[in-house]
């Protein structure tokens, strides 16, 4: 099983007023397509995490994997609700594939 990496760096402060590249993309005329592509990537990532955890993980990797799965679910939910250019009132995107939440797997002991 591939170990989950948890090291990362952040270049933008969490409460920065600067517009992120994603926010700018969502506000562009292609905003709906950008959101749909992001959701596809997040759902693929969730499926990969599910697969890795279903194969079997030691306790430490399992806990890291579950934390990653929760983060992917949160990111998907935020992106699904974020307005994109071309949205009409009441229109929400329909993500392709299963939602990343609700997975079931067990850790190796």
N, C-alpha and C. Protein backbone atom coordinates (compact mmCIF):
# COMPACT_ATOMS: atom_id res chain seq x y z
N UNK A 1 0.83 -1.18 0.00
CA UNK A 1 0.00 0.00 0.00
C UNK A 1 0.88 1.24 0.00
N UNK A 2 0.46 2.22 -0.72
CA UNK A 2 1.16 3.48 -0.76
C UNK A 2 0.87 4.25 0.52
N UNK A 3 1.92 4.77 1.14
CA UNK A 3 1.72 5.58 2.34
C UNK A 3 1.17 6.94 1.94
N UNK A 4 0.35 7.50 2.81
CA UNK A 4 -0.19 8.82 2.57
C UNK A 4 0.82 9.85 3.05
N UNK A 5 1.10 10.84 2.22
CA UNK A 5 2.02 11.90 2.61
C UNK A 5 1.23 13.03 3.24
N UNK A 6 1.75 13.57 4.32
CA UNK A 6 1.04 14.64 5.01
C UNK A 6 1.83 15.93 5.05
N UNK A 7 3.05 15.93 4.49
CA UNK A 7 3.84 17.16 4.52
C UNK A 7 3.41 18.08 3.38
N UNK A 8 3.27 19.35 3.68
CA UNK A 8 2.89 20.32 2.67
C UNK A 8 3.28 21.71 3.15
N UNK A 9 3.29 22.64 2.24
CA UNK A 9 3.57 24.02 2.60
C UNK A 9 2.44 24.89 2.09
N UNK A 10 2.23 25.98 2.77
CA UNK A 10 1.19 26.92 2.38
C UNK A 10 1.85 28.25 2.08
N UNK A 11 1.48 28.85 0.95
CA UNK A 11 2.06 30.14 0.60
C UNK A 11 1.09 31.29 0.82
N UNK A 12 -0.17 31.00 0.98
CA UNK A 12 -1.17 32.04 1.21
C UNK A 12 -1.73 31.89 2.62
N UNK A 13 -1.71 32.96 3.41
CA UNK A 13 -2.28 32.87 4.75
C UNK A 13 -3.75 32.45 4.68
N UNK A 14 -4.23 31.66 5.67
CA UNK A 14 -5.59 31.15 5.63
C UNK A 14 -6.66 32.22 5.51
N UNK A 15 -6.47 33.38 6.08
CA UNK A 15 -7.49 34.43 6.06
C UNK A 15 -7.14 35.53 5.06
N UNK A 16 -6.37 35.19 4.06
CA UNK A 16 -5.94 36.17 3.08
C UNK A 16 -7.12 36.70 2.28
N UNK A 17 -7.09 37.99 2.01
CA UNK A 17 -8.14 38.60 1.18
C UNK A 17 -7.82 38.41 -0.30
N UNK A 18 -6.65 37.92 -0.61
CA UNK A 18 -6.27 37.71 -2.01
C UNK A 18 -7.16 36.64 -2.64
N UNK A 19 -7.54 36.85 -3.87
CA UNK A 19 -8.38 35.91 -4.60
C UNK A 19 -7.50 34.76 -5.09
N UNK A 20 -7.94 33.56 -4.82
CA UNK A 20 -7.16 32.40 -5.26
C UNK A 20 -7.37 32.16 -6.75
N UNK A 21 -6.50 31.38 -7.33
CA UNK A 21 -6.62 31.02 -8.74
C UNK A 21 -7.96 30.31 -9.00
N UNK A 22 -8.37 29.46 -8.06
CA UNK A 22 -9.64 28.75 -8.21
C UNK A 22 -10.81 29.73 -8.18
N UNK A 23 -10.80 30.65 -7.22
CA UNK A 23 -11.89 31.63 -7.15
C UNK A 23 -11.97 32.46 -8.43
N UNK A 24 -10.83 32.85 -8.94
CA UNK A 24 -10.80 33.62 -10.19
C UNK A 24 -11.35 32.78 -11.34
N UNK A 25 -10.97 31.50 -11.37
CA UNK A 25 -11.47 30.61 -12.42
C UNK A 25 -12.97 30.42 -12.34
N UNK A 26 -13.48 30.26 -11.12
CA UNK A 26 -14.93 30.07 -10.94
C UNK A 26 -15.71 31.31 -11.37
N UNK A 27 -15.10 32.48 -11.23
CA UNK A 27 -15.76 33.73 -11.61
C UNK A 27 -15.65 34.00 -13.11
N UNK A 28 -14.79 33.26 -13.81
CA UNK A 28 -14.60 33.45 -15.25
C UNK A 28 -15.79 32.85 -16.01
N UNK A 29 -15.90 33.15 -17.29
CA UNK A 29 -16.99 32.58 -18.09
C UNK A 29 -16.99 31.05 -18.10
N UNK A 30 -15.85 30.44 -17.86
CA UNK A 30 -15.76 28.98 -17.83
C UNK A 30 -15.93 28.42 -16.41
N UNK A 31 -16.47 29.22 -15.50
CA UNK A 31 -16.57 28.84 -14.09
C UNK A 31 -17.27 27.51 -13.85
N UNK A 32 -18.36 27.27 -14.53
CA UNK A 32 -19.09 26.01 -14.35
C UNK A 32 -18.26 24.81 -14.78
N UNK A 33 -17.53 24.96 -15.88
CA UNK A 33 -16.67 23.86 -16.35
C UNK A 33 -15.51 23.63 -15.39
N UNK A 34 -14.96 24.70 -14.85
CA UNK A 34 -13.86 24.57 -13.90
C UNK A 34 -14.33 23.87 -12.63
N UNK A 35 -15.52 24.24 -12.15
CA UNK A 35 -16.07 23.58 -10.97
C UNK A 35 -16.32 22.10 -11.25
N UNK A 36 -16.91 21.78 -12.40
CA UNK A 36 -17.18 20.38 -12.74
C UNK A 36 -15.88 19.58 -12.82
N UNK A 37 -14.84 20.16 -13.42
CA UNK A 37 -13.55 19.46 -13.51
C UNK A 37 -12.95 19.25 -12.12
N UNK A 38 -13.09 20.24 -11.26
CA UNK A 38 -12.58 20.10 -9.89
C UNK A 38 -13.31 19.01 -9.14
N UNK A 39 -14.61 18.94 -9.32
CA UNK A 39 -15.39 17.89 -8.65
C UNK A 39 -15.02 16.51 -9.16
N UNK A 40 -14.78 16.40 -10.46
CA UNK A 40 -14.35 15.11 -11.01
C UNK A 40 -13.03 14.69 -10.38
N UNK A 41 -12.10 15.63 -10.27
CA UNK A 41 -10.79 15.32 -9.67
C UNK A 41 -10.94 14.93 -8.19
N UNK A 42 -11.78 15.65 -7.45
CA UNK A 42 -11.97 15.32 -6.04
C UNK A 42 -12.62 13.95 -5.87
N UNK A 43 -13.58 13.63 -6.71
CA UNK A 43 -14.24 12.33 -6.62
C UNK A 43 -13.28 11.20 -6.99
N UNK A 44 -12.41 11.46 -7.97
CA UNK A 44 -11.39 10.46 -8.33
C UNK A 44 -10.42 10.26 -7.17
N UNK A 45 -10.04 11.35 -6.52
CA UNK A 45 -9.15 11.25 -5.36
C UNK A 45 -9.82 10.46 -4.24
N UNK A 46 -11.10 10.73 -3.99
CA UNK A 46 -11.83 10.00 -2.96
C UNK A 46 -11.88 8.51 -3.28
N UNK A 47 -12.10 8.18 -4.54
CA UNK A 47 -12.14 6.77 -4.94
C UNK A 47 -10.78 6.11 -4.74
N UNK A 48 -9.71 6.84 -5.04
CA UNK A 48 -8.36 6.32 -4.84
C UNK A 48 -8.10 6.06 -3.36
N UNK A 49 -8.49 7.00 -2.52
CA UNK A 49 -8.31 6.82 -1.07
C UNK A 49 -9.11 5.61 -0.59
N UNK A 50 -10.36 5.50 -1.04
CA UNK A 50 -11.19 4.35 -0.67
C UNK A 50 -10.52 3.04 -1.08
N UNK A 51 -10.01 3.00 -2.30
CA UNK A 51 -9.34 1.79 -2.79
C UNK A 51 -8.15 1.44 -1.93
N UNK A 52 -7.32 2.42 -1.63
CA UNK A 52 -6.13 2.17 -0.82
C UNK A 52 -6.51 1.68 0.57
N UNK A 53 -7.53 2.26 1.16
CA UNK A 53 -7.93 1.84 2.50
C UNK A 53 -8.62 0.49 2.48
N UNK A 54 -9.35 0.19 1.42
CA UNK A 54 -10.01 -1.11 1.32
C UNK A 54 -9.01 -2.23 1.11
N UNK A 55 -7.89 -1.93 0.48
CA UNK A 55 -6.83 -2.92 0.29
C UNK A 55 -6.29 -3.34 1.66
N UNK A 56 -6.24 -2.37 2.54
CA UNK A 56 -5.76 -2.64 3.89
C UNK A 56 -4.70 -1.64 4.27
N UNK A 57 -4.78 -1.17 5.46
CA UNK A 57 -3.83 -0.18 5.95
C UNK A 57 -3.52 -0.47 7.41
N UNK A 58 -2.28 -0.18 7.79
CA UNK A 58 -1.98 -0.32 9.21
C UNK A 58 -2.71 0.80 9.95
N UNK A 59 -2.78 0.74 11.24
CA UNK A 59 -3.56 1.69 12.04
C UNK A 59 -3.18 3.14 11.73
N UNK A 60 -1.88 3.43 11.66
CA UNK A 60 -1.43 4.80 11.43
C UNK A 60 -1.87 5.30 10.05
N UNK A 61 -1.63 4.50 9.00
CA UNK A 61 -2.03 4.89 7.65
C UNK A 61 -3.54 4.98 7.52
N UNK A 62 -4.25 4.13 8.22
CA UNK A 62 -5.71 4.17 8.18
C UNK A 62 -6.22 5.50 8.73
N UNK A 63 -5.68 5.94 9.85
CA UNK A 63 -6.12 7.21 10.45
C UNK A 63 -5.80 8.38 9.52
N UNK A 64 -4.63 8.36 8.90
CA UNK A 64 -4.26 9.41 7.95
C UNK A 64 -5.20 9.37 6.75
N UNK A 65 -5.48 8.17 6.25
CA UNK A 65 -6.38 8.02 5.12
C UNK A 65 -7.78 8.52 5.42
N UNK A 66 -8.29 8.23 6.60
CA UNK A 66 -9.62 8.72 6.99
C UNK A 66 -9.63 10.25 7.07
N UNK A 67 -8.54 10.82 7.59
CA UNK A 67 -8.46 12.29 7.65
C UNK A 67 -8.44 12.88 6.24
N UNK A 68 -7.71 12.25 5.34
CA UNK A 68 -7.69 12.70 3.95
C UNK A 68 -9.08 12.58 3.32
N UNK A 69 -9.77 11.49 3.59
CA UNK A 69 -11.12 11.28 3.05
C UNK A 69 -12.06 12.37 3.55
N UNK A 70 -11.95 12.73 4.83
CA UNK A 70 -12.80 13.80 5.38
C UNK A 70 -12.46 15.14 4.72
N UNK A 71 -11.19 15.39 4.47
CA UNK A 71 -10.78 16.65 3.83
C UNK A 71 -11.30 16.72 2.39
N UNK A 72 -11.24 15.60 1.68
CA UNK A 72 -11.74 15.57 0.30
C UNK A 72 -13.26 15.78 0.30
N UNK A 73 -13.96 15.18 1.23
CA UNK A 73 -15.41 15.38 1.33
C UNK A 73 -15.72 16.85 1.59
N UNK A 74 -15.00 17.46 2.51
CA UNK A 74 -15.23 18.88 2.81
C UNK A 74 -14.95 19.75 1.59
N UNK A 75 -13.85 19.48 0.90
CA UNK A 75 -13.52 20.25 -0.30
C UNK A 75 -14.60 20.10 -1.37
N UNK A 76 -15.10 18.89 -1.54
CA UNK A 76 -16.17 18.65 -2.52
C UNK A 76 -17.42 19.44 -2.16
N UNK A 77 -17.79 19.42 -0.89
CA UNK A 77 -18.99 20.13 -0.45
C UNK A 77 -18.85 21.63 -0.65
N UNK A 78 -17.67 22.16 -0.38
CA UNK A 78 -17.44 23.60 -0.56
C UNK A 78 -17.50 23.95 -2.03
N UNK A 79 -16.84 23.16 -2.87
CA UNK A 79 -16.83 23.44 -4.30
C UNK A 79 -18.22 23.31 -4.91
N UNK A 80 -18.99 22.33 -4.45
CA UNK A 80 -20.36 22.16 -4.95
C UNK A 80 -21.22 23.38 -4.66
N UNK A 81 -20.98 24.05 -3.54
CA UNK A 81 -21.82 25.18 -3.13
C UNK A 81 -21.28 26.54 -3.59
N UNK A 82 -20.02 26.57 -4.05
CA UNK A 82 -19.42 27.85 -4.44
C UNK A 82 -20.04 28.31 -5.75
N UNK A 83 -20.46 29.57 -5.80
CA UNK A 83 -21.05 30.06 -7.05
C UNK A 83 -20.01 30.10 -8.17
N UNK A 84 -20.48 29.81 -9.37
CA UNK A 84 -19.62 29.88 -10.55
C UNK A 84 -20.33 30.71 -11.60
N UNK A 85 -19.56 31.32 -12.47
CA UNK A 85 -20.14 32.13 -13.54
C UNK A 85 -21.10 31.27 -14.35
N UNK A 86 -22.25 31.83 -14.68
CA UNK A 86 -23.23 31.10 -15.47
C UNK A 86 -24.25 30.36 -14.64
N UNK A 87 -24.07 30.31 -13.31
CA UNK A 87 -25.06 29.67 -12.45
C UNK A 87 -26.35 30.46 -12.49
N UNK A 88 -27.44 29.74 -12.37
CA UNK A 88 -28.74 30.40 -12.24
C UNK A 88 -29.23 30.13 -10.82
N UNK A 89 -30.07 30.98 -10.27
CA UNK A 89 -30.54 30.75 -8.91
C UNK A 89 -31.13 29.35 -8.75
N UNK A 90 -30.69 28.67 -7.72
CA UNK A 90 -31.18 27.34 -7.43
C UNK A 90 -30.50 26.23 -8.20
N UNK A 91 -29.57 26.57 -9.08
CA UNK A 91 -28.89 25.51 -9.83
C UNK A 91 -27.62 25.09 -9.10
N UNK A 92 -27.53 23.84 -8.80
CA UNK A 92 -26.32 23.28 -8.20
C UNK A 92 -25.78 22.24 -9.16
N UNK A 93 -24.46 22.12 -9.24
CA UNK A 93 -23.90 21.12 -10.14
C UNK A 93 -24.23 19.72 -9.66
N UNK A 94 -24.33 18.79 -10.59
CA UNK A 94 -24.52 17.40 -10.25
C UNK A 94 -23.20 16.70 -10.46
N UNK A 95 -22.51 16.33 -9.36
CA UNK A 95 -21.20 15.71 -9.51
C UNK A 95 -21.31 14.35 -10.17
N UNK A 96 -20.29 14.02 -10.95
CA UNK A 96 -20.24 12.71 -11.59
C UNK A 96 -19.70 11.69 -10.60
N UNK A 97 -20.31 10.54 -10.54
CA UNK A 97 -19.81 9.47 -9.68
C UNK A 97 -20.31 9.60 -8.26
N UNK A 98 -19.91 8.65 -7.43
CA UNK A 98 -20.36 8.65 -6.04
C UNK A 98 -19.72 9.77 -5.25
N UNK A 99 -20.45 10.25 -4.28
CA UNK A 99 -19.91 11.28 -3.40
C UNK A 99 -18.84 10.66 -2.52
N UNK A 100 -17.75 11.41 -2.22
CA UNK A 100 -16.66 10.83 -1.46
C UNK A 100 -17.00 10.44 -0.02
N UNK A 101 -18.10 10.89 0.49
CA UNK A 101 -18.43 10.53 1.87
C UNK A 101 -19.18 9.20 1.90
N UNK A 102 -19.28 8.62 3.06
CA UNK A 102 -20.06 7.40 3.22
C UNK A 102 -19.32 6.12 2.90
N UNK A 103 -18.01 6.17 2.80
CA UNK A 103 -17.25 4.97 2.50
C UNK A 103 -17.15 4.10 3.73
N UNK A 104 -16.97 2.80 3.49
CA UNK A 104 -16.78 1.89 4.63
C UNK A 104 -15.59 0.99 4.35
N UNK A 105 -14.67 0.97 5.27
CA UNK A 105 -13.51 0.10 5.18
C UNK A 105 -12.98 -0.12 6.57
N UNK A 106 -12.13 -1.12 6.74
CA UNK A 106 -11.60 -1.44 8.05
C UNK A 106 -10.09 -1.39 8.04
N UNK A 107 -9.53 -1.09 9.17
CA UNK A 107 -8.07 -1.02 9.29
C UNK A 107 -7.52 -2.39 9.66
N UNK A 108 -6.29 -2.65 9.19
CA UNK A 108 -5.60 -3.85 9.63
C UNK A 108 -5.13 -3.63 11.05
N UNK A 109 -5.12 -4.67 11.81
CA UNK A 109 -4.64 -4.55 13.19
C UNK A 109 -3.28 -5.12 13.32
